[in-house]
Amino acid sequence: MHGTLQNRLADPDRPAAAGGAHAVVIGSGFGGLAAAIRLAARGFRVTVLEAQDRPGGRAAVFTQDGHTFDTGPTIVTAPFLFEELWQMCGRTMADDVPLKALDPFFRVRFDDGETFAYSGNHDAMLAEIARLSPGDTDGYERFMREAEAMFRVGFEQLGDVPFDTVWSMLKVVPQLVSLGGLQSVHALAAKHVKDERIRIALSFHPLFIGGNPFTVTSVYALISYLEQHWGVHYAMGGTGALVKGMVSLVEGQGSTIRTGAEVTEITLDGRRATGVRLASGETIAADIVVSNADVAWTYRKLVPAAARRRWTDRRLERARYSSGLFVWYFGTNRRFDEVDHHTILLGPRYRGLLDDIFSKKVLAEDFSLYLHRPTATDRSLAPDGCDTFYVLSPVPHLGSGIDWAAAAEPYRRAIAKRLSETLLPGFEDAIATQRVATPQDFQDRLLSYQGAAFSLEPVFTQSAWFRPHNRSEDVEHLYIVGAGTHPGAGLPGVLSTARVLDRVVPDPAEVA
């Protein structure tokens, strides 16, 4: 995908036109901000509407007792997708938001205490695999060759292609089948390596986009190659620094961002979007509307049922949604320098736990955790001598019926016990501040249907053409960006949904 798209862009030194075609963007997550930048670069007047009191959506930031917490994505794996947004505005990203490459990317800790340093250094990866399972080094090489093939097709060729016709899907199915795209990511790993620990280390990545490694198409093995190709980076200042930088780009183009502006309806003339209505009653006219809100929320709550033929309530209710997340943010009054920036802490079960989360939808007594310690890299996020953390546990979405008002504190205590026994002995005595977020918060605060953290589950039958299209099938001049449309969740996916707009949104003169 990198370098393959011919963008229809205006002069980056020219601010968005004061008159002419007006685009309203609902939501200021990464997809909405990227869409705003791209549309303004093409000459649209752009207004971004954010319901919360600050931009960022799921990538919002909060500060508490001197600690700064990123609430959303923390891993930058395709920096060029950010860099080209800065280039469109005649600026250099590194001047505003420096990125730091991480090594290792993650440290995986298995339940028996064994660890695996997952890095971008090929020789180091072979050495780690040889240390755990000497017979699997050749299999790892084969797996990475297949991951690269998936990357060349799934990311470079198809990542910014709008799948809004059946033919566009049928053209690529034979290629995806020939690559083995109908098997799961875990099955692909299992085909090449024998040690289950190595299989897990090569297949856990779909969990970062709300998918089950045992059911998600092996096309998502491309993430493994993407990481090796560009590395895993951290934005100094936290993910919030990326949001702040993108807001600066949007405003520098002459566009407007309004916070505390909740959209309650997309107004229509027949089946054509004409603007939006806010909770205050204010209406804002627009030539095109771009929704970065949760896709199920967009169709179920913002588009009248009479205008929907494909994305009806029934279809959306029967769709499969991603996992939810339980996130515990905490700051400590001392440092834990032995803990890496990113740690994957695996529990006693892997497949059984994932089955509980995705299929049975029950809250298991055990869990696998992702521990984020950004202060390992960036001391600015905590007071001197302190650390900032969050620990994340994939859990069932709200379709499970879990009452998080009752379950949250016992679950937090269980996680604390596990961390004390493994990575952070004695840390509870050092906790200076804390907060939790559950799937209920994702639904109530972020308007995410079923509290799903990543929108639709990325199984094959909900990918590409089967996913809600970037150009709405139901409403003319309505476009969708974010995790719920093609190509999907994760920073590269979400930024690519905005990239697709360059292909499907007409030029301003054609819609004004």
Protein backbone atom coordinates (compact mmCIF):
# COMPACT_ATOMS: atom_id res chain seq x y z
CA MET A 1 0.00 0.00 0.00
CA HIS A 2 2.85 2.38 0.79
CA GLY A 3 3.33 4.66 -2.18
CA THR A 4 0.73 2.96 -4.37
CA LEU A 5 -2.15 5.41 -3.99
CA GLN A 6 -2.36 8.50 -6.16
CA ASN A 7 -3.91 11.01 -3.78
CA ARG A 8 -5.99 13.86 -5.19
CA LEU A 9 -4.50 16.48 -2.92
CA ALA A 10 -4.44 20.24 -2.85
CA ASP A 11 -1.30 22.29 -2.24
CA PRO A 12 -0.29 21.49 1.38
CA ASP A 13 0.58 25.15 1.96
CA ARG A 14 -2.96 26.25 1.12
CA PRO A 15 -5.52 26.23 3.93
CA ALA A 16 -8.92 24.67 3.33
CA ALA A 17 -11.20 26.88 1.28
CA ALA A 18 -13.34 29.33 3.23
CA GLY A 19 -16.30 28.48 1.00
CA GLY A 20 -17.23 25.55 -1.18
CA ALA A 21 -17.97 21.98 -0.22
CA HIS A 22 -18.39 21.32 3.47
CA ALA A 23 -17.50 18.00 5.14
CA VAL A 24 -18.68 17.17 8.67
CA VAL A 25 -16.68 14.51 10.50
CA ILE A 26 -18.38 12.81 13.45
CA GLY A 27 -15.78 11.86 16.05
CA SER A 28 -12.16 12.82 16.57
CA GLY A 29 -10.46 9.46 16.99
CA PHE A 30 -7.50 8.67 14.76
CA GLY A 31 -9.82 7.79 11.87
CA GLY A 32 -11.76 11.03 12.14
CA LEU A 33 -8.70 13.25 12.48
CA ALA A 34 -6.95 11.52 9.57
CA ALA A 35 -10.10 11.90 7.45
CA ALA A 36 -10.30 15.59 8.32
CA ILE A 37 -6.69 16.16 7.30
CA ARG A 38 -7.11 14.33 3.99
CA LEU A 39 -10.36 16.05 3.09
CA ALA A 40 -9.03 19.52 3.92
CA ALA A 41 -5.91 18.80 1.85
CA ARG A 42 -8.24 18.25 -1.10
CA GLY A 43 -10.00 21.57 -0.55
CA PHE A 44 -13.02 20.68 1.61
CA ARG A 45 -14.11 22.92 4.44
CA VAL A 46 -14.08 20.55 7.40
CA THR A 47 -15.85 20.60 10.76
CA VAL A 48 -15.00 17.86 13.26
CA LEU A 49 -17.60 17.19 15.97
CA GLU A 50 -16.55 15.39 19.16
CA ALA A 51 -19.03 14.45 21.90
CA GLN A 52 -16.37 14.29 24.61
CA ASP A 53 -14.71 17.32 26.18
CA ARG A 54 -11.44 16.72 24.34
CA PRO A 55 -10.34 15.19 21.02
CA GLY A 56 -9.05 11.65 20.69
CA GLY A 57 -12.01 9.29 20.94
CA ARG A 58 -10.68 5.93 22.09
CA ALA A 59 -7.20 7.46 22.07
CA ALA A 60 -8.05 10.03 24.72
CA VAL A 61 -5.73 10.85 27.60
CA PHE A 62 -6.32 11.60 31.25
CA THR A 63 -4.04 12.84 33.99
CA GLN A 64 -4.46 11.87 37.61
CA ASP A 65 -2.25 12.68 40.60
CA GLY A 66 0.65 13.61 38.36
CA HIS A 67 0.40 10.49 36.17
CA THR A 68 -0.57 10.64 32.47
CA PHE A 69 -2.53 7.70 31.07
CA ASP A 70 -3.22 6.87 27.43
CA THR A 71 -6.60 5.16 27.29
CA GLY A 72 -6.31 3.72 23.81
CA PRO A 73 -3.74 2.30 21.38
CA THR A 74 -0.10 2.51 22.43
CA ILE A 75 1.76 0.77 19.59
CA VAL A 76 2.80 2.51 16.36
CA THR A 77 3.67 -0.08 13.71
CA ALA A 78 3.40 1.72 10.36
CA PRO A 79 4.74 5.21 11.03
CA PHE A 80 4.58 6.26 7.38
CA LEU A 81 0.79 6.44 7.68
CA PHE A 82 1.21 9.23 10.23
CA GLU A 83 4.17 10.82 8.46
CA GLU A 84 2.25 11.28 5.20
CA LEU A 85 -0.45 13.24 7.06
CA TRP A 86 2.20 15.67 8.24
CA GLN A 87 3.61 15.82 4.71
CA MET A 88 0.18 16.75 3.34
CA CYS A 89 0.30 19.79 5.61
CA GLY A 90 3.84 20.76 4.61
CA ARG A 91 5.22 19.72 8.00
CA THR A 92 7.53 17.06 9.43
CA MET A 93 6.14 14.67 11.99
CA ALA A 94 9.41 14.26 13.90
CA ASP A 95 9.37 17.99 14.68
CA ASP A 96 6.07 17.57 16.55
CA VAL A 97 5.97 13.94 17.70
CA PRO A 98 9.25 12.03 17.86
CA LEU A 99 8.93 8.23 17.66
CA LYS A 100 11.20 5.85 19.54
CA ALA A 101 11.79 2.33 18.25
CA LEU A 102 11.36 -0.32 20.94
CA ASP A 103 13.60 -3.35 21.43
CA PRO A 104 12.26 -5.82 22.25
CA PHE A 105 8.79 -5.13 20.92
CA PHE A 106 7.20 -7.25 23.65
CA ARG A 107 8.32 -9.66 26.29
CA VAL A 108 6.02 -12.67 26.46
CA ARG A 109 5.90 -14.41 29.84
CA PHE A 110 4.42 -17.89 29.83
CA ASP A 111 2.58 -19.37 32.79
CA ASP A 112 5.59 -21.48 33.82
CA GLY A 113 7.74 -18.35 34.13
CA GLU A 114 9.65 -18.84 30.86
CA THR A 115 9.93 -15.70 28.74
CA PHE A 116 10.29 -14.88 25.05
CA ALA A 117 11.73 -11.57 23.85
CA TYR A 118 9.81 -10.72 20.68
CA SER A 119 11.89 -8.28 18.65
CA GLY A 120 12.56 -6.96 15.17
CA ASN A 121 16.08 -8.36 15.09
CA HIS A 122 15.99 -11.45 12.88
CA ASP A 123 19.04 -13.10 14.42
CA ALA A 124 17.78 -12.37 17.93
CA MET A 125 14.42 -13.93 17.10
CA LEU A 126 16.10 -17.06 15.75
CA ALA A 127 18.20 -17.27 18.91
CA GLU A 128 15.12 -16.94 21.13
CA ILE A 129 13.31 -19.67 19.19
CA ALA A 130 16.37 -21.92 19.27
CA ARG A 131 16.60 -21.43 23.04
CA LEU A 132 13.03 -22.66 23.54
CA SER A 133 12.67 -25.08 20.65
CA PRO A 134 15.77 -25.64 18.48
CA GLY A 135 13.81 -27.57 15.86
CA ASP A 136 11.49 -24.66 15.11
CA THR A 137 13.90 -22.11 13.64
CA ASP A 138 13.31 -23.25 10.05
CA GLY A 139 9.58 -23.26 10.69
CA TYR A 140 9.77 -19.68 11.89
CA GLU A 141 11.49 -18.69 8.64
CA ARG A 142 8.70 -20.37 6.66
CA PHE A 143 6.02 -18.68 8.75
CA MET A 144 7.57 -15.27 8.16
CA ARG A 145 7.72 -15.88 4.40
CA GLU A 146 3.98 -16.62 4.43
CA ALA A 147 3.35 -13.58 6.65
CA GLU A 148 5.21 -11.44 4.11
CA ALA A 149 3.07 -12.83 1.29
CA MET A 150 -0.05 -11.95 3.31
CA PHE A 151 1.37 -8.46 3.88
CA ARG A 152 2.06 -7.91 0.17
CA VAL A 153 -1.55 -8.70 -0.68
CA GLY A 154 -3.58 -7.82 2.41
CA PHE A 155 -1.81 -4.58 3.31
CA GLU A 156 0.06 -3.23 0.30
CA GLN A 157 -2.46 -4.20 -2.40
CA LEU A 158 -5.79 -4.21 -0.59
CA GLY A 159 -5.44 -2.09 2.55
CA ASP A 160 -6.64 1.12 0.88
CA VAL A 161 -8.91 -0.45 -1.75
CA PRO A 162 -12.65 0.19 -1.25
CA PHE A 163 -14.48 -3.15 -1.25
CA ASP A 164 -17.85 -1.68 -2.15
CA THR A 165 -18.80 -4.09 -4.93
CA VAL A 166 -19.14 -7.86 -4.90
CA TRP A 167 -16.82 -7.99 -7.91
CA SER A 168 -14.05 -6.25 -5.98
CA MET A 169 -14.24 -9.07 -3.45
CA LEU A 170 -14.56 -11.90 -5.96
CA LYS A 171 -11.43 -10.72 -7.76
CA VAL A 172 -9.24 -11.24 -4.70
CA VAL A 173 -10.80 -14.36 -3.16
CA PRO A 174 -8.79 -16.82 -5.31
CA GLN A 175 -5.57 -15.07 -4.33
CA LEU A 176 -6.46 -15.10 -0.64
CA VAL A 177 -7.45 -18.78 -0.82
CA SER A 178 -4.19 -19.67 -2.56
CA LEU A 179 -2.33 -17.94 0.27
CA GLY A 180 -4.20 -20.03 2.82
CA GLY A 181 -6.38 -17.16 3.97
CA LEU A 182 -9.23 -19.47 5.02
CA GLN A 183 -7.18 -20.96 7.86
CA SER A 184 -6.66 -19.15 11.16
CA VAL A 185 -3.56 -17.28 12.28
CA HIS A 186 -2.88 -19.93 14.91
CA ALA A 187 -3.33 -22.71 12.34
CA LEU A 188 -0.76 -21.01 10.11
CA ALA A 189 1.70 -20.87 12.99
CA ALA A 190 0.95 -24.47 13.94
CA LYS A 191 1.64 -25.57 10.36
CA HIS A 192 5.21 -24.38 10.66
CA VAL A 193 6.30 -24.67 14.31
CA LYS A 194 5.75 -27.48 16.82
CA ASP A 195 6.32 -25.84 20.19
CA GLU A 196 3.03 -24.41 21.47
CA ARG A 197 4.84 -21.52 23.14
CA ILE A 198 6.27 -20.44 19.78
CA ARG A 199 2.87 -20.90 18.15
CA ILE A 200 1.35 -18.56 20.73
CA ALA A 201 4.13 -15.98 20.32
CA LEU A 202 3.55 -15.93 16.57
CA SER A 203 -0.25 -15.79 16.72
CA PHE A 204 -1.36 -13.55 19.61
CA HIS A 205 -1.39 -10.35 17.51
CA PRO A 206 -5.10 -10.53 16.48
CA LEU A 207 -5.97 -9.95 20.13
CA PHE A 208 -4.70 -6.38 19.62
CA ILE A 209 -7.56 -5.83 17.16
CA GLY A 210 -10.23 -7.74 19.06
CA GLY A 211 -9.92 -11.04 17.22
CA ASN A 212 -9.48 -14.65 18.30
CA PRO A 213 -6.24 -16.12 16.88
CA PHE A 214 -8.08 -19.45 16.45
CA THR A 215 -10.82 -18.00 14.22
CA VAL A 216 -9.37 -14.86 12.61
CA THR A 217 -8.23 -15.35 9.02
CA SER A 218 -4.51 -15.96 8.60
CA VAL A 219 -4.36 -12.84 6.45
CA TYR A 220 -3.81 -11.09 9.79
CA ALA A 221 -0.45 -12.84 10.06
CA LEU A 222 0.61 -9.83 8.01
CA ILE A 223 0.90 -7.99 11.34
CA SER A 224 3.95 -10.11 12.17
CA TYR A 225 5.68 -9.03 8.98
CA LEU A 226 4.50 -5.44 9.29
CA GLU A 227 6.17 -5.23 12.70
CA GLN A 228 9.40 -6.71 11.37
CA HIS A 229 9.30 -4.41 8.35
CA TRP A 230 8.75 -1.06 10.11
CA GLY A 231 9.37 -1.90 13.75
CA VAL A 232 7.29 -1.17 16.83
CA HIS A 233 7.45 2.44 17.97
CA TYR A 234 6.34 4.55 20.88
CA ALA A 235 5.26 8.18 20.44
CA MET A 236 7.19 10.25 22.98
CA GLY A 237 4.67 12.01 25.18
CA GLY A 238 2.28 9.10 24.72
CA THR A 239 -0.47 8.45 22.24
CA GLY A 240 -1.97 11.74 23.35
CA ALA A 241 0.97 13.48 21.71
CA LEU A 242 -0.13 11.99 18.38
CA VAL A 243 -3.67 13.25 18.94
CA LYS A 244 -2.37 16.71 19.87
CA GLY A 245 -0.15 16.75 16.79
CA MET A 246 -3.00 15.75 14.48
CA VAL A 247 -5.31 18.35 16.04
CA SER A 248 -2.61 20.92 15.26
CA LEU A 249 -2.59 19.75 11.64
CA VAL A 250 -6.38 19.99 11.37
CA GLU A 251 -6.50 23.47 12.84
CA GLY A 252 -3.49 24.57 10.78
CA GLN A 253 -5.48 23.72 7.65
CA GLY A 254 -8.19 26.11 8.71
CA SER A 255 -10.60 23.38 9.80
CA THR A 256 -12.70 23.47 12.97
CA ILE A 257 -12.85 20.98 15.86
CA ARG A 258 -15.79 21.33 18.24
CA THR A 259 -15.79 19.35 21.48
CA GLY A 260 -18.85 18.73 23.62
CA ALA A 261 -20.80 18.47 20.35
CA GLU A 262 -22.75 15.20 20.41
CA VAL A 263 -24.37 14.23 17.11
CA THR A 264 -27.78 12.63 17.55
CA GLU A 265 -28.88 12.35 13.92
CA ILE A 266 -27.56 12.42 10.38
CA THR A 267 -30.08 14.54 8.47
CA LEU A 268 -31.29 13.27 5.11
CA ASP A 269 -32.99 14.42 1.97
CA GLY A 270 -34.45 11.14 0.82
CA ARG A 271 -31.46 8.80 0.98
CA ARG A 272 -28.81 11.50 0.79
CA ALA A 273 -26.97 12.90 3.82
CA THR A 274 -27.41 16.65 4.17
CA GLY A 275 -25.75 17.28 7.53
CA VAL A 276 -26.17 16.47 11.21
CA ARG A 277 -28.28 17.43 14.20
CA LEU A 278 -26.66 17.88 17.61
CA ALA A 279 -28.04 17.03 21.05
CA SER A 280 -28.47 20.79 21.56
CA GLY A 281 -30.90 20.89 18.63
CA GLU A 282 -28.47 22.71 16.36
CA THR A 283 -28.30 21.50 12.77
CA ILE A 284 -25.17 21.74 10.66
CA ALA A 285 -25.47 21.45 6.89
CA ALA A 286 -22.88 19.44 5.00
CA ASP A 287 -22.22 18.21 1.50
CA ILE A 288 -20.72 15.00 2.86
CA VAL A 289 -20.76 13.37 6.29
CA VAL A 290 -17.96 11.14 7.54
CA SER A 291 -18.65 9.06 10.65
CA ASN A 292 -15.81 7.99 12.90
CA ALA A 293 -18.36 6.94 15.51
CA ASP A 294 -18.81 3.24 16.21
CA VAL A 295 -20.26 1.80 13.02
CA ALA A 296 -23.15 -0.02 14.71
CA TRP A 297 -23.98 3.14 16.67
CA THR A 298 -23.83 5.18 13.46
CA TYR A 299 -26.38 3.04 11.69
CA ARG A 300 -28.61 2.11 14.65
CA LYS A 301 -28.74 5.55 16.31
CA LEU A 302 -27.84 8.21 13.75
CA VAL A 303 -29.42 6.96 10.51
CA PRO A 304 -33.22 6.57 10.46
CA ALA A 305 -34.34 2.95 10.09
CA ALA A 306 -36.38 3.81 6.99
CA ALA A 307 -33.18 4.76 5.15
CA ARG A 308 -31.38 1.49 5.91
CA ARG A 309 -31.63 -1.52 3.64
CA ARG A 310 -28.40 -3.38 4.38
CA TRP A 311 -27.40 -2.31 7.89
CA THR A 312 -30.73 -2.91 9.58
CA ASP A 313 -31.07 -3.33 13.34
CA ARG A 314 -31.55 -7.05 12.82
CA ARG A 315 -28.35 -7.46 10.80
CA LEU A 316 -26.32 -5.39 13.25
CA GLU A 317 -27.69 -7.25 16.27
CA ARG A 318 -26.84 -10.62 14.70
CA ALA A 319 -23.29 -9.60 13.73
CA ARG A 320 -20.29 -10.90 15.65
CA TYR A 321 -18.52 -8.30 17.75
CA SER A 322 -14.99 -8.16 19.05
CA SER A 323 -13.94 -8.84 22.59
CA GLY A 324 -14.39 -6.24 25.25
CA LEU A 325 -11.59 -4.96 27.46
CA PHE A 326 -11.07 -4.58 31.16
CA VAL A 327 -8.39 -1.95 31.72
CA TRP A 328 -6.87 -1.02 35.06
CA TYR A 329 -4.84 2.20 35.04
CA PHE A 330 -2.54 2.69 38.01
CA GLY A 331 0.43 4.78 39.05
CA THR A 332 3.01 3.78 41.64
CA ASN A 333 5.11 5.87 43.99
CA ARG A 334 8.22 3.91 43.10
CA ARG A 335 9.76 2.48 39.96
CA PHE A 336 9.81 -1.10 38.69
CA ASP A 337 12.78 -0.93 36.34
CA GLU A 338 12.89 -4.68 35.79
CA VAL A 339 9.59 -4.49 33.86
CA ASP A 340 9.65 -3.92 30.09
CA HIS A 341 7.63 -1.35 28.16
CA HIS A 342 5.29 -4.07 26.80
CA THR A 343 4.72 -7.41 28.52
CA ILE A 344 2.30 -10.17 27.50
CA LEU A 345 1.54 -12.18 30.66
CA LEU A 346 -0.06 -15.48 29.68
CA GLY A 347 -2.25 -17.51 31.99
CA PRO A 348 -2.49 -21.29 32.43
CA ARG A 349 -4.89 -21.65 29.49
CA TYR A 350 -4.76 -20.16 26.01
CA ARG A 351 -7.28 -21.73 23.64
CA GLY A 352 -9.74 -22.49 26.44
CA LEU A 353 -9.60 -18.93 27.72
CA LEU A 354 -10.16 -17.51 24.24
CA ASP A 355 -13.12 -19.86 23.80
CA ASP A 356 -14.59 -18.50 27.05
CA ILE A 357 -14.16 -14.92 25.82
CA PHE A 358 -15.31 -15.22 22.23
CA SER A 359 -17.68 -18.22 22.13
CA LYS A 360 -19.04 -19.01 25.58
CA LYS A 361 -18.89 -15.35 26.64
CA VAL A 362 -18.22 -16.08 30.27
CA LEU A 363 -15.86 -14.24 32.62
CA ALA A 364 -13.20 -16.83 33.38
CA GLU A 365 -11.33 -17.02 36.67
CA ASP A 366 -7.99 -17.02 34.83
CA PHE A 367 -6.78 -14.49 32.27
CA SER A 368 -3.99 -13.41 30.00
CA LEU A 369 -2.83 -9.83 30.44
CA TYR A 370 -1.06 -7.06 28.55
CA LEU A 371 0.96 -4.84 30.87
CA HIS A 372 1.95 -1.44 29.53
CA ARG A 373 4.68 0.48 31.33
CA PRO A 374 5.32 3.56 29.13
CA THR A 375 7.57 5.09 31.78
CA ALA A 376 10.14 2.46 30.84
CA THR A 377 10.69 4.69 27.80
CA ASP A 378 9.15 8.06 28.66
CA ARG A 379 9.71 9.47 32.13
CA SER A 380 7.46 12.47 31.42
CA LEU A 381 4.32 10.43 32.13
CA ALA A 382 4.93 10.06 35.87
CA PRO A 383 6.38 12.11 38.74
CA ASP A 384 10.07 11.62 39.53
CA GLY A 385 10.77 8.19 40.97
CA CYS A 386 7.33 6.88 39.98
CA ASP A 387 5.86 4.65 37.28
CA THR A 388 2.69 4.76 35.18
CA PHE A 389 1.01 1.51 34.09
CA TYR A 390 -2.07 0.06 32.63
CA VAL A 391 -2.97 -3.61 32.53
CA LEU A 392 -5.46 -4.83 29.97
CA SER A 393 -7.44 -8.07 29.96
CA PRO A 394 -9.57 -9.21 27.00
CA VAL A 395 -13.06 -10.08 28.27
CA PRO A 396 -16.44 -10.86 26.69
CA HIS A 397 -18.46 -7.94 25.34
CA LEU A 398 -21.73 -6.91 26.96
CA GLY A 399 -23.67 -9.54 25.04
CA SER A 400 -22.41 -11.83 27.79
CA GLY A 401 -24.71 -10.24 30.35
CA ILE A 402 -21.84 -9.62 32.80
CA ASP A 403 -22.78 -7.04 35.43
CA TRP A 404 -19.58 -5.01 35.58
CA ALA A 405 -20.85 -2.86 38.46
CA ALA A 406 -20.56 -6.00 40.58
CA ALA A 407 -17.76 -7.82 38.76
CA ALA A 408 -15.19 -5.05 38.25
CA GLU A 409 -13.65 -4.87 41.72
CA PRO A 410 -13.30 -8.64 42.28
CA TYR A 411 -11.77 -8.92 38.81
CA ARG A 412 -9.35 -6.07 39.54
CA ARG A 413 -8.30 -7.76 42.78
CA ALA A 414 -7.69 -11.03 40.94
CA ILE A 415 -5.49 -9.23 38.40
CA ALA A 416 -3.60 -7.50 41.20
CA LYS A 417 -2.93 -10.86 42.84
CA ARG A 418 -1.62 -12.28 39.56
CA LEU A 419 0.67 -9.28 38.98
CA SER A 420 1.97 -9.50 42.55
CA GLU A 421 2.81 -13.17 42.05
CA THR A 422 4.63 -12.61 38.78
CA LEU A 423 5.87 -9.27 37.43
CA LEU A 424 5.27 -6.76 40.22
CA PRO A 425 5.88 -8.29 43.65
CA GLY A 426 4.66 -5.97 46.38
CA PHE A 427 3.34 -3.36 43.97
CA GLU A 428 -0.03 -2.92 45.66
CA ASP A 429 1.62 -1.13 48.57
CA ALA A 430 3.08 1.36 46.07
CA ILE A 431 -0.15 2.26 44.23
CA ALA A 432 -0.63 6.03 44.35
CA THR A 433 -3.57 6.42 41.97
CA GLN A 434 -5.86 4.15 39.95
CA ARG A 435 -8.93 3.89 37.73
CA VAL A 436 -10.66 1.06 35.86
CA ALA A 437 -12.58 0.87 32.59
CA THR A 438 -14.90 -1.98 31.60
CA PRO A 439 -16.99 -2.85 28.53
CA GLN A 440 -19.79 -0.92 30.18
CA ASP A 441 -17.62 2.20 30.03
CA PHE A 442 -16.87 1.55 26.36
CA GLN A 443 -20.61 1.49 25.68
CA ASP A 444 -21.60 4.40 27.91
CA ARG A 445 -18.69 6.76 27.22
CA LEU A 446 -17.59 5.81 23.71
CA LEU A 447 -21.00 4.69 22.41
CA SER A 448 -19.51 1.36 21.38
CA TYR A 449 -22.22 -1.20 20.63
CA GLN A 450 -22.14 -4.08 23.14
CA GLY A 451 -19.10 -2.43 24.69
CA ALA A 452 -16.97 -4.13 22.03
CA ALA A 453 -13.54 -2.51 22.08
CA PHE A 454 -12.78 -3.04 18.37
CA SER A 455 -16.22 -3.02 16.69
CA LEU A 456 -16.99 -6.04 14.47
CA GLU A 457 -14.94 -9.18 15.06
CA PRO A 458 -12.41 -9.53 12.20
CA VAL A 459 -13.44 -12.98 10.97
CA PHE A 460 -13.38 -13.67 7.22
CA THR A 461 -17.16 -13.27 6.84
CA GLN A 462 -16.89 -9.78 8.36
CA SER A 463 -13.88 -8.58 6.40
CA ALA A 464 -13.45 -6.57 3.18
CA TRP A 465 -16.75 -6.54 1.21
CA PHE A 466 -18.57 -8.23 4.11
CA ARG A 467 -17.67 -5.38 6.46
CA PRO A 468 -19.63 -2.09 6.46
CA HIS A 469 -18.31 -0.21 3.48
CA ASN A 470 -16.25 2.99 3.62
CA ARG A 471 -18.83 4.49 1.26
CA SER A 472 -22.17 3.78 2.88
CA GLU A 473 -24.33 1.25 1.09
CA ASP A 474 -27.48 2.82 2.55
CA VAL A 475 -26.98 6.59 2.46
CA GLU A 476 -25.48 8.70 -0.31
CA HIS A 477 -22.69 11.09 0.72
CA LEU A 478 -22.18 9.21 4.01
CA TYR A 479 -18.74 7.71 4.55
CA ILE A 480 -17.39 5.54 7.36
CA VAL A 481 -13.93 5.48 8.93
CA GLY A 482 -12.57 3.72 11.99
CA ALA A 483 -12.34 0.16 13.28
CA GLY A 484 -15.74 -0.98 12.01
CA THR A 485 -15.09 -0.52 8.30
CA HIS A 486 -12.43 -1.81 5.87
CA PRO A 487 -9.65 -2.68 6.58
CA GLY A 488 -10.39 -2.73 10.32
CA ALA A 489 -9.01 -2.04 13.78
CA GLY A 490 -5.50 -1.17 14.93
CA LEU A 491 -3.67 2.05 14.11
CA PRO A 492 -2.57 0.99 10.59
CA GLY A 493 -6.09 -0.24 9.83
CA VAL A 494 -7.88 2.82 11.17
CA LEU A 495 -5.54 5.25 9.39
CA SER A 496 -6.04 3.23 6.20
CA THR A 497 -9.83 3.64 6.44
CA ALA A 498 -9.25 7.37 6.04
CA ARG A 499 -6.88 6.67 3.16
CA VAL A 500 -9.70 4.85 1.35
CA LEU A 501 -11.65 8.12 1.31
CA ASP A 502 -9.21 9.46 -1.28
CA ARG A 503 -10.67 6.88 -3.66
CA VAL A 504 -14.38 7.07 -2.84
CA VAL A 505 -15.11 10.70 -1.90
CA PRO A 506 -15.65 12.88 -5.00
CA ASP A 507 -13.68 16.11 -5.37
CA PRO A 508 -15.23 19.15 -3.66
CA ALA A 509 -16.48 20.67 -6.90
CA GLU A 510 -18.49 17.51 -7.61
CA VAL A 511 -20.46 17.55 -4.35
CA ALA A 512 -20.87 21.26 -3.58
